[in-house]
Amino acid sequence: MGSKEAYVLKSFKPQFFNANWDIGMFVKIHLKARELADQFNMEVQLNHPIIFKQPILHSMRSAFQKNGKDVFVKGEKVALEPFIYGRYEKFTSNSGYILDGYTAPLLHSLHIAQDARTDYL
């Protein structure tokens, strides 16, 4: 019998689903970030290396509803990522959230995203 793995299913908010936002681009940026993290780990060799989980891009084959409301619609693209167990504090998000008093990572991630779109992909 095979082992079961827990996954996190990520998608765009419904108002962005048909707004020409491309989740595939986010997956490509994530893969580039993973490549850079792997390179960093090889060169620096920390006791706690940076670990990126590989996302899987998937299109929903059917709609999914919860309590009579659409959660996912047919054809919606989602990213599946292996679940990372543990307790973590979120300090930024793709939607602009920044933990109070913590601004440097946001500036760095915007720089990486811009470079990834124009130079690497």
N, C-alpha and C. Protein backbone atom coordinates (compact mmCIF):
# COMPACT_ATOMS: atom_id res chain seq x y z
N MET A 1 0.84 -1.18 0.00
CA MET A 1 0.00 0.00 0.00
C MET A 1 0.89 1.24 0.00
N GLY A 2 0.58 2.21 -0.83
CA GLY A 2 1.37 3.44 -0.94
C GLY A 2 1.14 4.39 0.22
N SER A 3 2.08 5.27 0.40
CA SER A 3 1.94 6.26 1.47
C SER A 3 1.13 7.45 0.96
N LYS A 4 0.45 8.10 1.87
CA LYS A 4 -0.34 9.28 1.53
C LYS A 4 0.42 10.52 1.95
N GLU A 5 0.42 11.52 1.09
CA GLU A 5 1.06 12.79 1.42
C GLU A 5 0.00 13.87 1.50
N ALA A 6 0.18 14.81 2.40
CA ALA A 6 -0.73 15.95 2.52
C ALA A 6 -0.25 17.05 1.58
N TYR A 7 -1.19 17.73 0.93
CA TYR A 7 -0.87 18.81 0.00
C TYR A 7 -1.66 20.06 0.36
N VAL A 8 -1.14 21.19 -0.07
CA VAL A 8 -1.84 22.47 0.02
C VAL A 8 -2.26 22.82 -1.40
N LEU A 9 -3.51 23.18 -1.59
CA LEU A 9 -4.03 23.55 -2.90
C LEU A 9 -4.14 25.07 -2.94
N LYS A 10 -3.43 25.70 -3.87
CA LYS A 10 -3.42 27.16 -3.97
C LYS A 10 -4.03 27.59 -5.29
N SER A 11 -4.82 28.64 -5.23
CA SER A 11 -5.42 29.19 -6.45
C SER A 11 -5.55 30.70 -6.29
N PHE A 12 -5.88 31.35 -7.41
CA PHE A 12 -6.16 32.78 -7.35
C PHE A 12 -7.52 32.99 -6.72
N LYS A 13 -7.71 34.13 -6.10
CA LYS A 13 -9.03 34.48 -5.60
C LYS A 13 -9.97 34.56 -6.79
N PRO A 14 -11.26 34.23 -6.60
CA PRO A 14 -12.20 34.18 -7.74
C PRO A 14 -12.23 35.43 -8.60
N GLN A 15 -12.08 36.61 -8.02
CA GLN A 15 -12.14 37.83 -8.82
C GLN A 15 -10.97 37.94 -9.79
N PHE A 16 -9.91 37.16 -9.59
CA PHE A 16 -8.76 37.21 -10.49
C PHE A 16 -8.72 36.04 -11.47
N PHE A 17 -9.61 35.07 -11.33
CA PHE A 17 -9.57 33.87 -12.16
C PHE A 17 -9.64 34.20 -13.65
N ASN A 18 -10.51 35.11 -14.03
CA ASN A 18 -10.65 35.47 -15.44
C ASN A 18 -10.04 36.83 -15.76
N ALA A 19 -9.10 37.28 -14.97
CA ALA A 19 -8.51 38.60 -15.16
C ALA A 19 -7.11 38.52 -15.79
N ASN A 20 -6.88 37.47 -16.57
CA ASN A 20 -5.60 37.26 -17.26
C ASN A 20 -4.41 37.12 -16.31
N TRP A 21 -4.64 36.68 -15.11
CA TRP A 21 -3.55 36.37 -14.20
C TRP A 21 -3.10 34.96 -14.51
N ASP A 22 -1.82 34.71 -14.53
CA ASP A 22 -1.28 33.41 -14.94
C ASP A 22 -0.59 32.73 -13.77
N ILE A 23 -1.25 31.74 -13.17
CA ILE A 23 -0.64 31.02 -12.05
C ILE A 23 0.59 30.25 -12.52
N GLY A 24 0.64 29.90 -13.81
CA GLY A 24 1.81 29.22 -14.35
C GLY A 24 3.06 30.06 -14.20
N MET A 25 2.93 31.38 -14.33
CA MET A 25 4.08 32.27 -14.15
C MET A 25 4.56 32.23 -12.71
N PHE A 26 3.63 32.17 -11.75
CA PHE A 26 4.02 32.08 -10.35
C PHE A 26 4.77 30.78 -10.08
N VAL A 27 4.33 29.69 -10.73
CA VAL A 27 5.03 28.41 -10.57
C VAL A 27 6.44 28.51 -11.16
N LYS A 28 6.58 29.15 -12.33
CA LYS A 28 7.91 29.32 -12.94
C LYS A 28 8.82 30.15 -12.04
N ILE A 29 8.28 31.21 -11.45
CA ILE A 29 9.07 32.05 -10.55
C ILE A 29 9.49 31.23 -9.32
N HIS A 30 8.56 30.42 -8.81
CA HIS A 30 8.86 29.56 -7.67
C HIS A 30 9.99 28.59 -8.01
N LEU A 31 9.93 28.00 -9.20
CA LEU A 31 10.97 27.06 -9.61
C LEU A 31 12.33 27.75 -9.74
N LYS A 32 12.34 28.98 -10.23
CA LYS A 32 13.59 29.74 -10.33
C LYS A 32 14.13 30.04 -8.93
N ALA A 33 13.25 30.40 -8.02
CA ALA A 33 13.66 30.65 -6.64
C ALA A 33 14.25 29.39 -6.02
N ARG A 34 13.65 28.24 -6.33
CA ARG A 34 14.18 26.97 -5.82
C ARG A 34 15.58 26.72 -6.38
N GLU A 35 15.75 26.96 -7.67
CA GLU A 35 17.06 26.78 -8.30
C GLU A 35 18.11 27.67 -7.61
N LEU A 36 17.75 28.92 -7.35
CA LEU A 36 18.67 29.84 -6.69
C LEU A 36 18.97 29.40 -5.25
N ALA A 37 17.95 28.89 -4.55
CA ALA A 37 18.14 28.40 -3.18
C ALA A 37 19.07 27.19 -3.18
N ASP A 38 18.89 26.27 -4.13
CA ASP A 38 19.77 25.10 -4.22
C ASP A 38 21.21 25.52 -4.48
N GLN A 39 21.39 26.49 -5.36
CA GLN A 39 22.73 27.00 -5.66
C GLN A 39 23.34 27.64 -4.41
N PHE A 40 22.53 28.44 -3.70
CA PHE A 40 22.98 29.07 -2.46
C PHE A 40 23.39 28.01 -1.44
N ASN A 41 22.55 26.97 -1.28
CA ASN A 41 22.85 25.90 -0.32
C ASN A 41 24.18 25.21 -0.64
N MET A 42 24.46 24.99 -1.93
CA MET A 42 25.72 24.33 -2.32
C MET A 42 26.92 25.22 -2.01
N GLU A 43 26.77 26.52 -2.22
CA GLU A 43 27.89 27.43 -2.04
C GLU A 43 28.13 27.81 -0.58
N VAL A 44 27.05 27.96 0.20
CA VAL A 44 27.18 28.43 1.58
C VAL A 44 27.21 27.28 2.58
N GLN A 45 26.47 26.21 2.33
CA GLN A 45 26.41 25.02 3.17
C GLN A 45 26.07 25.35 4.63
N LEU A 46 24.86 25.82 4.83
CA LEU A 46 24.35 26.14 6.17
C LEU A 46 23.94 24.87 6.91
N ASN A 47 23.81 24.96 8.23
CA ASN A 47 23.29 23.83 9.01
C ASN A 47 21.82 23.59 8.71
N HIS A 48 21.10 24.65 8.37
CA HIS A 48 19.68 24.56 8.03
C HIS A 48 19.50 25.12 6.63
N PRO A 49 19.59 24.28 5.60
CA PRO A 49 19.50 24.79 4.23
C PRO A 49 18.11 25.32 3.90
N ILE A 50 18.05 26.16 2.89
CA ILE A 50 16.78 26.65 2.37
C ILE A 50 16.13 25.51 1.60
N ILE A 51 14.87 25.21 1.90
CA ILE A 51 14.17 24.11 1.23
C ILE A 51 12.94 24.66 0.52
N PHE A 52 12.81 24.34 -0.75
CA PHE A 52 11.63 24.69 -1.53
C PHE A 52 10.92 23.40 -1.93
N LYS A 53 9.63 23.37 -1.78
CA LYS A 53 8.84 22.23 -2.23
C LYS A 53 8.37 22.50 -3.65
N GLN A 54 8.42 21.50 -4.49
CA GLN A 54 8.07 21.63 -5.91
C GLN A 54 6.54 21.70 -6.07
N PRO A 55 6.01 22.78 -6.66
CA PRO A 55 4.57 22.84 -6.93
C PRO A 55 4.22 22.03 -8.17
N ILE A 56 2.99 21.55 -8.20
CA ILE A 56 2.46 20.84 -9.36
C ILE A 56 1.30 21.67 -9.90
N LEU A 57 1.34 22.05 -11.16
CA LEU A 57 0.27 22.83 -11.77
C LEU A 57 -0.83 21.89 -12.25
N HIS A 58 -2.09 22.21 -11.93
CA HIS A 58 -3.21 21.34 -12.25
C HIS A 58 -4.41 22.19 -12.66
N SER A 59 -5.21 21.70 -13.59
CA SER A 59 -6.48 22.35 -13.96
C SER A 59 -7.62 21.54 -13.38
N MET A 60 -8.54 22.21 -12.72
CA MET A 60 -9.67 21.52 -12.10
C MET A 60 -10.55 20.91 -13.18
N ARG A 61 -10.85 19.62 -13.04
CA ARG A 61 -11.69 18.91 -14.03
C ARG A 61 -13.17 19.18 -13.81
N SER A 62 -13.51 19.55 -12.60
CA SER A 62 -14.92 19.85 -12.30
C SER A 62 -14.97 20.92 -11.22
N ALA A 63 -16.14 21.50 -11.06
CA ALA A 63 -16.33 22.52 -10.03
C ALA A 63 -16.39 21.85 -8.67
N PHE A 64 -16.04 22.59 -7.64
CA PHE A 64 -16.14 22.10 -6.27
C PHE A 64 -16.83 23.17 -5.45
N GLN A 65 -17.90 22.76 -4.75
CA GLN A 65 -18.64 23.70 -3.92
C GLN A 65 -18.59 23.29 -2.46
N LYS A 66 -18.68 24.29 -1.61
CA LYS A 66 -18.78 24.06 -0.17
C LYS A 66 -19.86 24.99 0.36
N ASN A 67 -20.83 24.44 1.05
CA ASN A 67 -21.95 25.21 1.58
C ASN A 67 -22.66 26.00 0.49
N GLY A 68 -22.79 25.40 -0.71
CA GLY A 68 -23.51 26.03 -1.81
C GLY A 68 -22.75 27.12 -2.55
N LYS A 69 -21.49 27.34 -2.20
CA LYS A 69 -20.69 28.37 -2.86
C LYS A 69 -19.52 27.72 -3.59
N ASP A 70 -19.19 28.27 -4.77
CA ASP A 70 -18.05 27.75 -5.52
C ASP A 70 -16.75 27.99 -4.76
N VAL A 71 -15.99 26.93 -4.60
CA VAL A 71 -14.64 27.04 -4.05
C VAL A 71 -13.65 27.03 -5.21
N PHE A 72 -13.88 26.10 -6.16
CA PHE A 72 -13.10 26.02 -7.39
C PHE A 72 -14.06 25.85 -8.55
N VAL A 73 -13.73 26.42 -9.68
CA VAL A 73 -14.58 26.28 -10.87
C VAL A 73 -13.86 25.40 -11.89
N LYS A 74 -14.63 24.76 -12.74
CA LYS A 74 -14.07 23.89 -13.77
C LYS A 74 -13.09 24.69 -14.64
N GLY A 75 -11.91 24.12 -14.88
CA GLY A 75 -10.90 24.77 -15.69
C GLY A 75 -9.97 25.69 -14.93
N GLU A 76 -10.28 25.99 -13.68
CA GLU A 76 -9.42 26.87 -12.88
C GLU A 76 -8.07 26.21 -12.65
N LYS A 77 -7.00 26.97 -12.83
CA LYS A 77 -5.66 26.45 -12.59
C LYS A 77 -5.30 26.62 -11.12
N VAL A 78 -4.74 25.56 -10.56
CA VAL A 78 -4.34 25.57 -9.16
C VAL A 78 -2.92 25.02 -9.06
N ALA A 79 -2.25 25.34 -7.99
CA ALA A 79 -0.93 24.78 -7.71
C ALA A 79 -1.04 23.89 -6.47
N LEU A 80 -0.55 22.68 -6.60
CA LEU A 80 -0.49 21.74 -5.47
C LEU A 80 0.93 21.77 -4.92
N GLU A 81 1.05 21.97 -3.62
CA GLU A 81 2.37 21.97 -2.98
C GLU A 81 2.34 21.00 -1.81
N PRO A 82 3.41 20.22 -1.62
CA PRO A 82 3.46 19.35 -0.46
C PRO A 82 3.31 20.17 0.83
N PHE A 83 2.52 19.67 1.76
CA PHE A 83 2.28 20.35 3.03
C PHE A 83 3.56 20.32 3.86
N ILE A 84 3.92 21.45 4.45
CA ILE A 84 5.08 21.53 5.34
C ILE A 84 4.56 21.58 6.77
N TYR A 85 4.85 20.54 7.52
CA TYR A 85 4.38 20.47 8.90
C TYR A 85 5.21 21.38 9.80
N GLY A 86 4.58 21.88 10.83
CA GLY A 86 5.28 22.74 11.78
C GLY A 86 4.51 24.03 12.00
N ARG A 87 5.06 24.87 12.84
CA ARG A 87 4.44 26.16 13.13
C ARG A 87 5.31 27.25 12.53
N TYR A 88 4.70 28.09 11.71
CA TYR A 88 5.45 29.12 11.00
C TYR A 88 4.73 30.46 11.14
N GLU A 89 5.50 31.52 11.11
CA GLU A 89 4.92 32.86 11.14
C GLU A 89 5.04 33.46 9.74
N LYS A 90 3.92 33.89 9.18
CA LYS A 90 3.91 34.47 7.85
C LYS A 90 4.34 35.93 7.95
N PHE A 91 5.36 36.33 7.16
CA PHE A 91 5.82 37.71 7.23
C PHE A 91 5.54 38.49 5.96
N THR A 92 5.22 37.83 4.85
CA THR A 92 4.79 38.52 3.62
C THR A 92 3.83 37.61 2.86
N SER A 93 3.18 38.19 1.87
CA SER A 93 2.33 37.41 0.97
C SER A 93 2.37 38.02 -0.41
N ASN A 94 1.90 37.29 -1.40
CA ASN A 94 1.85 37.80 -2.77
C ASN A 94 0.83 38.93 -2.92
N SER A 95 -0.09 39.04 -1.99
CA SER A 95 -1.13 40.07 -2.09
C SER A 95 -0.74 41.37 -1.40
N GLY A 96 0.48 41.44 -0.86
CA GLY A 96 0.95 42.70 -0.28
C GLY A 96 1.01 42.74 1.23
N TYR A 97 0.60 41.66 1.91
CA TYR A 97 0.67 41.63 3.36
C TYR A 97 2.13 41.69 3.81
N ILE A 98 2.43 42.51 4.82
CA ILE A 98 3.76 42.58 5.41
C ILE A 98 3.58 42.61 6.92
N LEU A 99 4.29 41.74 7.62
CA LEU A 99 4.27 41.74 9.07
C LEU A 99 4.78 43.09 9.56
N ASP A 100 4.11 43.68 10.54
CA ASP A 100 4.52 44.99 11.06
C ASP A 100 6.01 45.04 11.37
N GLY A 101 6.67 46.08 10.85
CA GLY A 101 8.09 46.28 11.12
C GLY A 101 9.02 45.41 10.30
N TYR A 102 8.50 44.68 9.31
CA TYR A 102 9.33 43.75 8.54
C TYR A 102 9.18 44.07 7.06
N THR A 103 10.06 44.88 6.50
CA THR A 103 9.89 45.32 5.11
C THR A 103 10.94 44.80 4.14
N ALA A 104 12.13 44.44 4.59
CA ALA A 104 13.20 44.04 3.68
C ALA A 104 12.84 42.86 2.78
N PRO A 105 12.22 41.76 3.27
CA PRO A 105 11.92 40.65 2.38
C PRO A 105 10.99 41.02 1.24
N LEU A 106 10.04 41.92 1.48
CA LEU A 106 9.12 42.31 0.42
C LEU A 106 9.89 42.98 -0.71
N LEU A 107 10.77 43.89 -0.40
CA LEU A 107 11.56 44.56 -1.43
C LEU A 107 12.41 43.55 -2.18
N HIS A 108 12.99 42.62 -1.47
CA HIS A 108 13.84 41.60 -2.10
C HIS A 108 12.99 40.70 -3.00
N SER A 109 11.81 40.28 -2.54
CA SER A 109 11.00 39.37 -3.35
C SER A 109 10.48 40.06 -4.60
N LEU A 110 10.16 41.34 -4.53
CA LEU A 110 9.73 42.05 -5.73
C LEU A 110 10.87 42.13 -6.74
N HIS A 111 12.09 42.34 -6.26
CA HIS A 111 13.26 42.40 -7.14
C HIS A 111 13.47 41.05 -7.82
N ILE A 112 13.39 39.97 -7.06
CA ILE A 112 13.56 38.62 -7.61
C ILE A 112 12.48 38.35 -8.65
N ALA A 113 11.22 38.68 -8.34
CA ALA A 113 10.12 38.40 -9.26
C ALA A 113 10.31 39.16 -10.57
N GLN A 114 10.73 40.41 -10.50
CA GLN A 114 10.92 41.18 -11.72
C GLN A 114 12.05 40.58 -12.55
N ASP A 115 13.17 40.24 -11.91
CA ASP A 115 14.28 39.63 -12.62
C ASP A 115 13.88 38.28 -13.21
N ALA A 116 13.11 37.50 -12.46
CA ALA A 116 12.71 36.18 -12.93
C ALA A 116 11.86 36.29 -14.19
N ARG A 117 10.99 37.26 -14.25
CA ARG A 117 10.13 37.41 -15.43
C ARG A 117 10.92 37.87 -16.65
N THR A 118 11.85 38.77 -16.47
CA THR A 118 12.50 39.37 -17.63
C THR A 118 13.79 38.67 -18.02
N ASP A 119 14.55 38.19 -17.05
CA ASP A 119 15.87 37.66 -17.37
C ASP A 119 15.95 36.13 -17.40
N TYR A 120 15.14 35.47 -16.61
CA TYR A 120 15.33 34.04 -16.44
C TYR A 120 14.31 33.18 -17.17
N LEU A 121 13.11 33.68 -17.40
CA LEU A 121 12.04 32.82 -17.93
C LEU A 121 11.82 33.05 -19.40
